[in-house]
PDB file of N, CA and C in Angstrom:
ATOM      1  N   UNK A   1      27.481 111.940  98.561  1.00  0.00           N
ATOM      2  CA  UNK A   1      28.010 113.086  98.237  1.00  0.00           C
ATOM      3  C   UNK A   1      27.966 114.149  99.181  1.00  0.00           C
ATOM      4  N   UNK A   2      28.536 114.961  99.181  1.00  0.00           N
ATOM      5  CA  UNK A   2      28.711 115.839 100.297  1.00  0.00           C
ATOM      6  C   UNK A   2      27.974 116.392 100.362  1.00  0.00           C
ATOM      7  N   UNK A   3      27.630 117.479 101.032  1.00  0.00           N
ATOM      8  CA  UNK A   3      26.771 118.603 101.698  1.00  0.00           C
ATOM      9  C   UNK A   3      26.735 119.377 100.804  1.00  0.00           C
ATOM     10  N   UNK A   4      28.103 119.972 100.268  1.00  0.00           N
ATOM     11  CA  UNK A   4      28.377 121.207  99.322  1.00  0.00           C
ATOM     12  C   UNK A   4      27.749 120.964  97.860  1.00  0.00           C
ATOM     13  N   UNK A   5      28.075 119.736  97.804  1.00  0.00           N
ATOM     14  CA  UNK A   5      27.394 119.044  96.211  1.00  0.00           C
ATOM     15  C   UNK A   5      26.136 119.248  96.139  1.00  0.00           C
ATOM     16  N   UNK A   6      25.399 118.500  97.042  1.00  0.00           N
ATOM     17  CA  UNK A   6      24.047 118.300  97.270  1.00  0.00           C
ATOM     18  C   UNK A   6      23.582 119.926  97.532  1.00  0.00           C
ATOM     19  N   UNK A   7      23.872 120.971  97.834  1.00  0.00           N
ATOM     20  CA  UNK A   7      23.566 121.922  98.363  1.00  0.00           C
ATOM     21  C   UNK A   7      23.939 122.769  97.014  1.00  0.00           C
ATOM     22  N   UNK A   8      24.918 122.715  96.301  1.00  0.00           N
ATOM     23  CA  UNK A   8      25.242 123.222  94.680  1.00  0.00           C
ATOM     24  C   UNK A   8      23.815 122.618  93.434  1.00  0.00           C
ATOM     25  N   UNK A   9      23.675 121.131  94.169  1.00  0.00           N
ATOM     26  CA  UNK A   9      22.615 120.863  93.026  1.00  0.00           C
ATOM     27  C   UNK A   9      21.320 121.699  93.425  1.00  0.00           C
ATOM     28  N   UNK A  10      20.925 121.625  94.266  1.00  0.00           N
ATOM     29  CA  UNK A  10      19.642 122.027  95.052  1.00  0.00           C
ATOM     30  C   UNK A  10      19.615 123.732  94.705  1.00  0.00           C
ATOM     31  N   UNK A  11      20.948 124.588  94.526  1.00  0.00           N
ATOM     32  CA  UNK A  11      20.998 125.608  94.180  1.00  0.00           C
ATOM     33  C   UNK A  11      20.582 125.926  92.633  1.00  0.00           C
ATOM     34  N   UNK A  12      21.300 125.038  91.733  1.00  0.00           N
ATOM     35  CA  UNK A  12      21.209 125.025  90.459  1.00  0.00           C
ATOM     36  C   UNK A  12      20.022 124.649  90.235  1.00  0.00           C
ATOM     37  N   UNK A  13      19.440 124.076  90.540  1.00  0.00           N
ATOM     38  CA  UNK A  13      17.744 123.715  90.448  1.00  0.00           C
ATOM     39  C   UNK A  13      16.852 124.623  90.737  1.00  0.00           C
ATOM     40  N   UNK A  14      17.340 125.453  91.708  1.00  0.00           N
ATOM     41  CA  UNK A  14      16.203 126.276  92.078  1.00  0.00           C
ATOM     42  C   UNK A  14      16.287 127.183  91.281  1.00  0.00           C
ATOM     43  N   UNK A  15      17.381 127.741  91.007  1.00  0.00           N
ATOM     44  CA  UNK A  15      18.040 128.713  89.605  1.00  0.00           C
ATOM     45  C   UNK A  15      17.198 128.553  88.191  1.00  0.00           C
ATOM     46  N   UNK A  16      17.184 127.281  87.963  1.00  0.00           N
ATOM     47  CA  UNK A  16      16.393 126.538  86.661  1.00  0.00           C
ATOM     48  C   UNK A  16      15.264 126.610  86.630  1.00  0.00           C
ATOM     49  N   UNK A  17      14.621 126.039  87.931  1.00  0.00           N
ATOM     50  CA  UNK A  17      13.196 126.305  88.150  1.00  0.00           C
ATOM     51  C   UNK A  17      12.752 127.568  88.373  1.00  0.00           C
ATOM     52  N   UNK A  18      13.445 128.911  88.887  1.00  0.00           N
ATOM     53  CA  UNK A  18      12.943 130.243  88.969  1.00  0.00           C
ATOM     54  C   UNK A  18      12.707 130.728  87.491  1.00  0.00           C
ATOM     55  N   UNK A  19      14.010 130.306  86.879  1.00  0.00           N
ATOM     56  CA  UNK A  19      13.923 130.627  85.081  1.00  0.00           C
ATOM     57  C   UNK A  19      12.768 130.062  84.394  1.00  0.00           C
ATOM     58  N   UNK A  20      12.343 129.001  84.321  1.00  0.00           N
ATOM     59  CA  UNK A  20      11.459 128.331  83.862  1.00  0.00           C
ATOM     60  C   UNK A  20      10.224 128.870  84.471  1.00  0.00           C
ATOM     61  N   UNK A  21       9.892 128.963  85.680  1.00  0.00           N
ATOM     62  CA  UNK A  21       8.477 129.465  85.866  1.00  0.00           C
ATOM     63  C   UNK A  21       8.437 131.290  85.514  1.00  0.00           C
ATOM     64  N   UNK A  22       9.465 131.909  85.447  1.00  0.00           N
ATOM     65  CA  UNK A  22       9.286 133.373  84.524  1.00  0.00           C
ATOM     66  C   UNK A  22       8.917 133.608  83.658  1.00  0.00           C
ATOM     67  N   UNK A  23       9.618 132.565  82.842  1.00  0.00           N
ATOM     68  CA  UNK A  23       9.465 132.505  81.365  1.00  0.00           C
ATOM     69  C   UNK A  23       7.866 132.095  80.933  1.00  0.00           C
ATOM     70  N   UNK A  24       7.216 131.228  81.992  1.00  0.00           N
ATOM     71  CA  UNK A  24       6.015 130.682  81.806  1.00  0.00           C
ATOM     72  C   UNK A  24       5.124 131.768  81.951  1.00  0.00           C
ATOM     73  N   UNK A  25       5.566 132.593  83.138  1.00  0.00           N
ATOM     74  CA  UNK A  25       4.592 133.572  83.362  1.00  0.00           C
ATOM     75  C   UNK A  25       4.205 134.967  82.493  1.00  0.00           C
ATOM     76  N   UNK A  26       5.913 134.836  81.804  1.00  0.00           N
ATOM     77  CA  UNK A  26       5.944 136.235  80.572  1.00  0.00           C
ATOM     78  C   UNK A  26       4.830 135.301  79.599  1.00  0.00           C
ATOM     79  N   UNK A  27       4.570 134.009  79.193  1.00  0.00           N
ATOM     80  CA  UNK A  27       4.142 133.957  78.118  1.00  0.00           C
ATOM     81  C   UNK A  27       2.631 134.088  78.475  1.00  0.00           C
ATOM     82  N   UNK A  28       2.413 133.326  79.734  1.00  0.00           N
ATOM     83  CA  UNK A  28       1.009 133.462  80.240  1.00  0.00           C
ATOM     84  C   UNK A  28       0.492 134.924  80.326  1.00  0.00           C
ATOM     85  N   UNK A  29       1.179 136.002  80.720  1.00  0.00           N
ATOM     86  CA  UNK A  29       0.765 137.206  81.038  1.00  0.00           C
ATOM     87  C   UNK A  29       0.681 137.955  79.294  1.00  0.00           C
ATOM     88  N   UNK A  30       2.049 137.523  78.599  1.00  0.00           N
ATOM     89  CA  UNK A  30       1.490 137.992  77.229  1.00  0.00           C
ATOM     90  C   UNK A  30       0.456 137.555  76.699  1.00  0.00           C
ATOM     91  N   UNK A  31      -0.246 136.572  76.866  1.00  0.00           N
ATOM     92  CA  UNK A  31      -1.297 135.949  76.296  1.00  0.00           C
ATOM     93  C   UNK A  31      -1.248 135.863  74.706  1.00  0.00           C
ATOM     94  N   UNK A  32      -0.456 135.286  74.144  1.00  0.00           N
ATOM     95  CA  UNK A  32      -0.590 135.285  72.337  1.00  0.00           C
ATOM     96  C   UNK A  32      -1.984 134.381  71.812  1.00  0.00           C
ATOM     97  N   UNK A  33      -2.056 134.781  70.517  1.00  0.00           N
ATOM     98  CA  UNK A  33      -3.611 134.349  70.211  1.00  0.00           C
ATOM     99  C   UNK A  33      -3.398 132.496  70.525  1.00  0.00           C
ATOM    100  N   UNK A  34      -2.495 131.848  70.216  1.00  0.00           N
ATOM    101  CA  UNK A  34      -2.531 130.782  70.253  1.00  0.00           C
ATOM    102  C   UNK A  34      -2.905 129.907  71.417  1.00  0.00           C
ATOM    103  N   UNK A  35      -1.971 130.559  72.624  1.00  0.00           N
ATOM    104  CA  UNK A  35      -2.496 130.289  74.045  1.00  0.00           C
ATOM    105  C   UNK A  35      -4.019 130.685  74.242  1.00  0.00           C
ATOM    106  N   UNK A  36      -4.333 131.909  73.678  1.00  0.00           N
ATOM    107  CA  UNK A  36      -5.709 131.960  74.376  1.00  0.00           C
ATOM    108  C   UNK A  36      -6.767 130.657  73.614  1.00  0.00           C
ATOM    109  N   UNK A  37      -6.530 130.300  72.413  1.00  0.00           N
ATOM    110  CA  UNK A  37      -7.261 129.374  71.510  1.00  0.00           C
ATOM    111  C   UNK A  37      -6.904 128.441  72.677  1.00  0.00           C
ATOM    112  N   UNK A  38      -5.667 127.760  73.188  1.00  0.00           N
ATOM    113  CA  UNK A  38      -5.851 126.625  74.396  1.00  0.00           C
ATOM    114  C   UNK A  38      -6.460 126.432  75.210  1.00  0.00           C
ATOM    115  N   UNK A  39      -6.718 128.020  75.608  1.00  0.00           N
ATOM    116  CA  UNK A  39      -7.499 128.238  76.908  1.00  0.00           C
ATOM    117  C   UNK A  39      -9.104 127.852  76.476  1.00  0.00           C
ATOM    118  N   UNK A  40      -9.380 128.528  75.591  1.00  0.00           N
ATOM    119  CA  UNK A  40     -11.115 128.252  75.063  1.00  0.00           C
ATOM    120  C   UNK A  40     -11.026 127.245  74.261  1.00  0.00           C
ATOM    121  N   UNK A  41     -10.525 126.318  73.831  1.00  0.00           N
ATOM    122  CA  UNK A  41     -10.639 124.773  73.759  1.00  0.00           C
ATOM    123  C   UNK A  41     -10.759 124.040  74.571  1.00  0.00           C
ATOM    124  N   UNK A  42      -9.952 124.319  75.955  1.00  0.00           N
ATOM    125  CA  UNK A  42     -10.142 123.552  77.182  1.00  0.00           C
ATOM    126  C   UNK A  42     -11.120 124.000  78.043  1.00  0.00           C
ATOM    127  N   UNK A  43     -12.102 125.331  77.733  1.00  0.00           N
ATOM    128  CA  UNK A  43     -13.137 125.685  78.596  1.00  0.00           C
ATOM    129  C   UNK A  43     -12.511 126.208  79.513  1.00  0.00           C
ATOM    130  N   UNK A  44     -11.457 126.743  79.475  1.00  0.00           N
ATOM    131  CA  UNK A  44     -11.408 127.726  80.808  1.00  0.00           C
ATOM    132  C   UNK A  44     -11.611 129.339  80.937  1.00  0.00           C
ATOM    133  N   UNK A  45     -12.244 129.705  81.780  1.00  0.00           N
ATOM    134  CA  UNK A  45     -12.722 131.107  81.766  1.00  0.00           C
ATOM    135  C   UNK A  45     -11.946 132.398  81.241  1.00  0.00           C
ATOM    136  N   UNK A  46     -12.450 133.121  80.671  1.00  0.00           N
ATOM    137  CA  UNK A  46     -11.958 134.026  79.906  1.00  0.00           C
ATOM    138  C   UNK A  46     -10.948 134.745  80.945  1.00  0.00           C
ATOM    139  N   UNK A  47      -9.455 135.066  80.402  1.00  0.00           N
ATOM    140  CA  UNK A  47      -8.745 135.783  80.879  1.00  0.00           C
ATOM    141  C   UNK A  47      -7.804 134.982  81.996  1.00  0.00           C
ATOM    142  N   UNK A  48      -8.349 133.625  82.389  1.00  0.00           N
ATOM    143  CA  UNK A  48      -7.875 132.664  83.139  1.00  0.00           C
ATOM    144  C   UNK A  48      -6.206 132.334  83.047  1.00  0.00           C
ATOM    145  N   UNK A  49      -5.942 132.607  81.687  1.00  0.00           N
ATOM    146  CA  UNK A  49      -4.260 132.968  81.336  1.00  0.00           C
ATOM    147  C   UNK A  49      -3.587 133.841  82.235  1.00  0.00           C
ATOM    148  N   UNK A  50      -4.131 134.746  82.952  1.00  0.00           N
ATOM    149  CA  UNK A  50      -3.642 135.736  83.653  1.00  0.00           C
ATOM    150  C   UNK A  50      -3.372 135.424  84.973  1.00  0.00           C
ATOM    151  N   UNK A  51      -4.543 134.707  85.591  1.00  0.00           N
ATOM    152  CA  UNK A  51      -4.318 133.991  86.796  1.00  0.00           C
ATOM    153  C   UNK A  51      -3.219 132.803  86.901  1.00  0.00           C
ATOM    154  N   UNK A  52      -2.947 132.254  85.763  1.00  0.00           N
ATOM    155  CA  UNK A  52      -2.093 131.263  85.492  1.00  0.00           C
ATOM    156  C   UNK A  52      -0.856 131.574  85.841  1.00  0.00           C
ATOM    157  N   UNK A  53      -0.554 133.057  84.711  1.00  0.00           N
ATOM    158  CA  UNK A  53       0.425 133.555  84.927  1.00  0.00           C
ATOM    159  C   UNK A  53       1.094 134.687  86.018  1.00  0.00           C
ATOM    160  N   UNK A  54       0.027 135.122  87.083  1.00  0.00           N
ATOM    161  CA  UNK A  54       0.221 135.933  88.129  1.00  0.00           C
ATOM    162  C   UNK A  54       0.741 134.824  89.186  1.00  0.00           C
ATOM    163  N   UNK A  55       0.304 133.249  88.964  1.00  0.00           N
ATOM    164  CA  UNK A  55       0.880 132.175  89.743  1.00  0.00           C
ATOM    165  C   UNK A  55       2.257 131.741  89.530  1.00  0.00           C
ATOM    166  N   UNK A  56       2.419 131.867  88.447  1.00  0.00           N
ATOM    167  CA  UNK A  56       3.791 131.302  87.848  1.00  0.00           C
ATOM    168  C   UNK A  56       4.956 132.404  88.446  1.00  0.00           C
ATOM    169  N   UNK A  57       4.552 133.946  87.974  1.00  0.00           N
ATOM    170  CA  UNK A  57       5.036 134.897  88.423  1.00  0.00           C
ATOM    171  C   UNK A  57       5.801 135.159  89.819  1.00  0.00           C
ATOM    172  N   UNK A  58       4.456 134.942  90.713  1.00  0.00           N
ATOM    173  CA  UNK A  58       4.889 134.544  92.330  1.00  0.00           C
ATOM    174  C   UNK A  58       5.730 133.584  92.602  1.00  0.00           C
ATOM    175  N   UNK A  59       5.702 132.670  92.116  1.00  0.00           N
ATOM    176  CA  UNK A  59       5.896 131.172  92.142  1.00  0.00           C
ATOM    177  C   UNK A  59       7.818 131.289  91.977  1.00  0.00           C
ATOM    178  N   UNK A  60       8.050 132.097  90.705  1.00  0.00           N
ATOM    179  CA  UNK A  60       9.540 132.673  90.656  1.00  0.00           C
ATOM    180  C   UNK A  60       9.967 133.642  91.863  1.00  0.00           C
ATOM    181  N   UNK A  61       9.223 134.525  91.718  1.00  0.00           N
ATOM    182  CA  UNK A  61       9.620 135.531  92.627  1.00  0.00           C
ATOM    183  C   UNK A  61       9.702 134.839  93.892  1.00  0.00           C
ATOM    184  N   UNK A  62       9.062 133.562  94.330  1.00  0.00           N
ATOM    185  CA  UNK A  62       9.396 133.273  95.497  1.00  0.00           C
ATOM    186  C   UNK A  62      10.499 132.357  95.923  1.00  0.00           C
ATOM    187  N   UNK A  63      10.810 131.634  95.118  1.00  0.00           N
ATOM    188  CA  UNK A  63      11.928 130.892  94.263  1.00  0.00           C
ATOM    189  C   UNK A  63      13.038 131.545  94.469  1.00  0.00           C
ATOM    190  N   UNK A  64      13.191 132.797  94.293  1.00  0.00           N
ATOM    191  CA  UNK A  64      14.120 133.773  93.969  1.00  0.00           C
ATOM    192  C   UNK A  64      15.033 134.412  95.502  1.00  0.00           C
ATOM    193  N   UNK A  65      13.667 133.829  95.968  1.00  0.00           N
ATOM    194  CA  UNK A  65      14.283 134.556  97.394  1.00  0.00           C
ATOM    195  C   UNK A  65      14.476 133.725  98.566  1.00  0.00           C
ATOM    196  N   UNK A  66      15.754 133.628  99.226  1.00  0.00           N
ATOM    197  CA  UNK A  66      15.757 132.522 100.140  1.00  0.00           C
ATOM    198  C   UNK A  66      14.780 132.328 101.251  1.00  0.00           C
ATOM    199  N   UNK A  67      14.248 133.714 101.696  1.00  0.00           N
ATOM    200  CA  UNK A  67      13.551 133.261 102.706  1.00  0.00           C
ATOM    201  C   UNK A  67      12.396 133.329 101.926  1.00  0.00           C
ATOM    202  N   UNK A  68      11.702 133.279 100.891  1.00  0.00           N
ATOM    203  CA  UNK A  68      10.236 132.737 100.504  1.00  0.00           C
ATOM    204  C   UNK A  68      10.500 131.642  99.958  1.00  0.00           C
ATOM    205  N   UNK A  69      11.742 130.853  99.604  1.00  0.00           N
ATOM    206  CA  UNK A  69      11.953 130.155  98.694  1.00  0.00           C
ATOM    207  C   UNK A  69      10.806 128.548  98.894  1.00  0.00           C
ATOM    208  N   UNK A  70      10.616 128.382 100.377  1.00  0.00           N
ATOM    209  CA  UNK A  70       9.673 127.453 100.750  1.00  0.00           C
ATOM    210  C   UNK A  70       8.246 127.587 100.124  1.00  0.00           C
ATOM    211  N   UNK A  71       7.924 128.644 100.439  1.00  0.00           N
ATOM    212  CA  UNK A  71       6.604 129.029  99.685  1.00  0.00           C
ATOM    213  C   UNK A  71       6.565 128.983  98.037  1.00  0.00           C
ATOM    214  N   UNK A  72       7.631 129.348  97.608  1.00  0.00           N
ATOM    215  CA  UNK A  72       7.726 129.141  96.127  1.00  0.00           C
ATOM    216  C   UNK A  72       7.859 127.546  95.702  1.00  0.00           C
ATOM    217  N   UNK A  73       8.074 126.526  96.499  1.00  0.00           N
ATOM    218  CA  UNK A  73       8.014 125.226  96.174  1.00  0.00           C
ATOM    219  C   UNK A  73       6.920 125.104  96.058  1.00  0.00           C
ATOM    220  N   UNK A  74       6.378 125.179  97.495  1.00  0.00           N
ATOM    221  CA  UNK A  74       4.595 124.962  97.845  1.00  0.00           C
ATOM    222  C   UNK A  74       4.094 125.247  96.725  1.00  0.00           C
ATOM    223  N   UNK A  75       3.927 126.653  96.184  1.00  0.00           N
ATOM    224  CA  UNK A  75       3.454 127.124  95.019  1.00  0.00           C
ATOM    225  C   UNK A  75       3.430 126.542  93.563  1.00  0.00           C
ATOM    226  N   UNK A  76       4.801 126.764  93.631  1.00  0.00           N
ATOM    227  CA  UNK A  76       5.374 125.585  92.139  1.00  0.00           C
ATOM    228  C   UNK A  76       4.591 124.470  92.278  1.00  0.00           C
ATOM    229  N   UNK A  77       4.816 123.620  93.051  1.00  0.00           N
ATOM    230  CA  UNK A  77       4.191 122.696  93.139  1.00  0.00           C
ATOM    231  C   UNK A  77       2.392 122.550  92.797  1.00  0.00           C
ATOM    232  N   UNK A  78       2.058 123.202  93.493  1.00  0.00           N
ATOM    233  CA  UNK A  78       0.495 123.341  93.476  1.00  0.00           C
ATOM    234  C   UNK A  78       0.154 123.609  92.068  1.00  0.00           C
ATOM    235  N   UNK A  79       0.971 124.536  91.040  1.00  0.00           N
ATOM    236  CA  UNK A  79       0.789 125.003  90.125  1.00  0.00           C
ATOM    237  C   UNK A  79       1.044 123.831  88.825  1.00  0.00           C
ATOM    238  N   UNK A  80       2.026 123.268  89.178  1.00  0.00           N
ATOM    239  CA  UNK A  80       2.632 121.909  88.280  1.00  0.00           C
ATOM    240  C   UNK A  80       1.736 121.005  88.490  1.00  0.00           C
ATOM    241  N   UNK A  81       1.286 120.858  89.366  1.00  0.00           N
ATOM    242  CA  UNK A  81       0.054 119.524  89.799  1.00  0.00           C
ATOM    243  C   UNK A  81      -1.039 120.059  89.075  1.00  0.00           C
ATOM    244  N   UNK A  82      -1.870 121.332  88.874  1.00  0.00           N
ATOM    245  CA  UNK A  82      -2.098 121.572  88.675  1.00  0.00           C
ATOM    246  C   UNK A  82      -2.753 121.045  86.657  1.00  0.00           C
ATOM    247  N   UNK A  83      -1.368 121.780  86.395  1.00  0.00           N
ATOM    248  CA  UNK A  83      -0.808 121.485  84.838  1.00  0.00           C
ATOM    249  C   UNK A  83      -0.664 120.365  84.422  1.00  0.00           C
ATOM    250  N   UNK A  84      -0.001 119.766  85.171  1.00  0.00           N
ATOM    251  CA  UNK A  84      -0.093 118.354  85.186  1.00  0.00           C
ATOM    252  C   UNK A  84      -1.595 117.344  84.893  1.00  0.00           C
ATOM    253  N   UNK A  85      -2.262 117.811  85.769  1.00  0.00           N
ATOM    254  CA  UNK A  85      -3.842 117.037  85.911  1.00  0.00           C
ATOM    255  C   UNK A  85      -4.691 117.888  84.270  1.00  0.00           C
ATOM    256  N   UNK A  86      -4.248 118.633  84.401  1.00  0.00           N
ATOM    257  CA  UNK A  86      -4.817 119.319  82.992  1.00  0.00           C
ATOM    258  C   UNK A  86      -4.595 118.678  81.505  1.00  0.00           C
ATOM    259  N   UNK A  87      -3.129 118.514  81.503  1.00  0.00           N
ATOM    260  CA  UNK A  87      -2.543 118.201  80.297  1.00  0.00           C
ATOM    261  C   UNK A  87      -2.919 116.524  80.395  1.00  0.00           C
ATOM    262  N   UNK A  88      -2.773 115.767  81.438  1.00  0.00           N
ATOM    263  CA  UNK A  88      -3.200 114.248  81.303  1.00  0.00           C
ATOM    264  C   UNK A  88      -4.771 114.445  80.950  1.00  0.00           C
ATOM    265  N   UNK A  89      -5.473 115.124  81.633  1.00  0.00           N
ATOM    266  CA  UNK A  89      -6.910 115.044  81.100  1.00  0.00           C
ATOM    267  C   UNK A  89      -6.797 115.355  79.973  1.00  0.00           C
ATOM    268  N   UNK A  90      -6.691 116.235  78.966  1.00  0.00           N
ATOM    269  CA  UNK A  90      -6.761 116.195  77.745  1.00  0.00           C
ATOM    270  C   UNK A  90      -6.009 115.895  76.989  1.00  0.00           C
ATOM    271  N   UNK A  91      -5.412 114.413  77.240  1.00  0.00           N
ATOM    272  CA  UNK A  91      -4.220 113.252  76.656  1.00  0.00           C
ATOM    273  C   UNK A  91      -3.266 114.030  75.884  1.00  0.00           C
ATOM    274  N   UNK A  92      -2.487 115.110  76.400  1.00  0.00           N
ATOM    275  CA  UNK A  92      -1.437 115.896  75.796  1.00  0.00           C
ATOM    276  C   UNK A  92      -0.397 114.749  76.913  1.00  0.00           C
ATOM    277  N   UNK A  93      -0.088 113.757  76.666  1.00  0.00           N
ATOM    278  CA  UNK A  93       0.879 112.968  77.598  1.00  0.00           C
ATOM    279  C   UNK A  93       2.521 113.280  77.526  1.00  0.00           C
ATOM    280  N   UNK A  94       2.750 113.385  76.628  1.00  0.00           N
ATOM    281  CA  UNK A  94       4.253 113.662  75.881  1.00  0.00           C
ATOM    282  C   UNK A  94       4.225 115.271  76.740  1.00  0.00           C
ATOM    283  N   UNK A  95       3.472 116.136  76.719  1.00  0.00           N
ATOM    284  CA  UNK A  95       3.227 117.637  77.366  1.00  0.00           C
ATOM    285  C   UNK A  95       3.567 117.621  79.023  1.00  0.00           C
ATOM    286  N   UNK A  96       2.981 116.488  79.382  1.00  0.00           N
ATOM    287  CA  UNK A  96       2.862 116.154  81.025  1.00  0.00           C
ATOM    288  C   UNK A  96       4.507 115.909  81.357  1.00  0.00           C
ATOM    289  N   UNK A  97       4.933 115.213  80.593  1.00  0.00           N
ATOM    290  CA  UNK A  97       6.623 114.767  81.376  1.00  0.00           C
ATOM    291  C   UNK A  97       7.323 115.365  81.848  1.00  0.00           C
ATOM    292  N   UNK A  98       7.669 116.830  81.249  1.00  0.00           N
ATOM    293  CA  UNK A  98       8.368 118.320  81.991  1.00  0.00           C
ATOM    294  C   UNK A  98       7.417 118.385  82.724  1.00  0.00           C
ATOM    295  N   UNK A  99       6.467 118.356  83.216  1.00  0.00           N
ATOM    296  CA  UNK A  99       5.969 119.228  84.544  1.00  0.00           C
ATOM    297  C   UNK A  99       6.027 118.053  85.801  1.00  0.00           C
ATOM    298  N   UNK A 100       5.887 116.557  85.645  1.00  0.00           N
ATOM    299  CA  UNK A 100       6.001 115.806  86.106  1.00  0.00           C
ATOM    300  C   UNK A 100       7.967 115.875  86.920  1.00  0.00           C
ATOM    301  N   UNK A 101       8.519 115.868  85.828  1.00  0.00           N
ATOM    302  CA  UNK A 101      10.067 116.379  85.910  1.00  0.00           C
ATOM    303  C   UNK A 101      10.056 117.477  86.855  1.00  0.00           C
ATOM    304  N   UNK A 102       9.519 118.132  86.308  1.00  0.00           N
ATOM    305  CA  UNK A 102       9.563 119.851  87.502  1.00  0.00           C
ATOM    306  C   UNK A 102       9.328 119.732  89.119  1.00  0.00           C
ATOM    307  N   UNK A 103       7.827 119.089  89.144  1.00  0.00           N
ATOM    308  CA  UNK A 103       7.751 118.926  90.324  1.00  0.00           C
ATOM    309  C   UNK A 103       8.634 117.622  91.189  1.00  0.00           C
ATOM    310  N   UNK A 104       9.588 116.724  90.715  1.00  0.00           N
ATOM    311  CA  UNK A 104      10.154 116.061  91.293  1.00  0.00           C
ATOM    312  C   UNK A 104      11.265 116.881  91.443  1.00  0.00           C
ATOM    313  N   UNK A 105      12.022 117.487  90.502  1.00  0.00           N
ATOM    314  CA  UNK A 105      12.689 118.798  90.916  1.00  0.00           C
ATOM    315  C   UNK A 105      12.772 119.737  91.843  1.00  0.00           C
ATOM    316  N   UNK A 106      11.473 119.967  92.085  1.00  0.00           N
ATOM    317  CA  UNK A 106      11.228 121.020  93.254  1.00  0.00           C
ATOM    318  C   UNK A 106      11.832 120.694  94.705  1.00  0.00           C
ATOM    319  N   UNK A 107      11.696 119.364  95.458  1.00  0.00           N
ATOM    320  CA  UNK A 107      12.226 118.464  96.349  1.00  0.00           C
ATOM    321  C   UNK A 107      14.092 118.985  96.647  1.00  0.00           C
ATOM    322  N   UNK A 108      14.631 118.528  95.818  1.00  0.00           N
ATOM    323  CA  UNK A 108      15.699 118.981  96.186  1.00  0.00           C
ATOM    324  C   UNK A 108      16.242 120.499  95.705  1.00  0.00           C
ATOM    325  N   UNK A 109      15.099 121.092  95.468  1.00  0.00           N
ATOM    326  CA  UNK A 109      15.599 122.362  95.310  1.00  0.00           C
ATOM    327  C   UNK A 109      15.279 123.424  96.535  1.00  0.00           C
ATOM    328  N   UNK A 110      14.497 123.042  96.789  1.00  0.00           N
ATOM    329  CA  UNK A 110      14.295 123.476  98.836  1.00  0.00           C
ATOM    330  C   UNK A 110      15.637 122.852  99.600  1.00  0.00           C
ATOM    331  N   UNK A 111      16.195 122.312  98.807  1.00  0.00           N
ATOM    332  CA  UNK A 111      17.683 121.850 100.045  1.00  0.00           C
ATOM    333  C   UNK A 111      18.298 122.865 100.598  1.00  0.00           C
TER     334      UNK A 111
END
């Protein structure tokens, strides 16, 4: 593939990841009751969804700006790694698949 095609793929992945992180941040910051119950059931501290939402919002912001895209990729990989570990720890194997795919997509998005 040419460099132009690879950069187009990377840009497309970057936009998709930015949108997904922004949507996840909105969901966690809005904290509907169903989400709060999941956090409680998994023994996370009260209000931890706000920490998660803030880290996802920062990731989306960093990914959206070319100057900070590398930091967005690093933070996003950490957030997704923690999410994947949590899902696998609670035997939510099918839910872990998209997070693993997102981790894989971060690498070409940084190109």
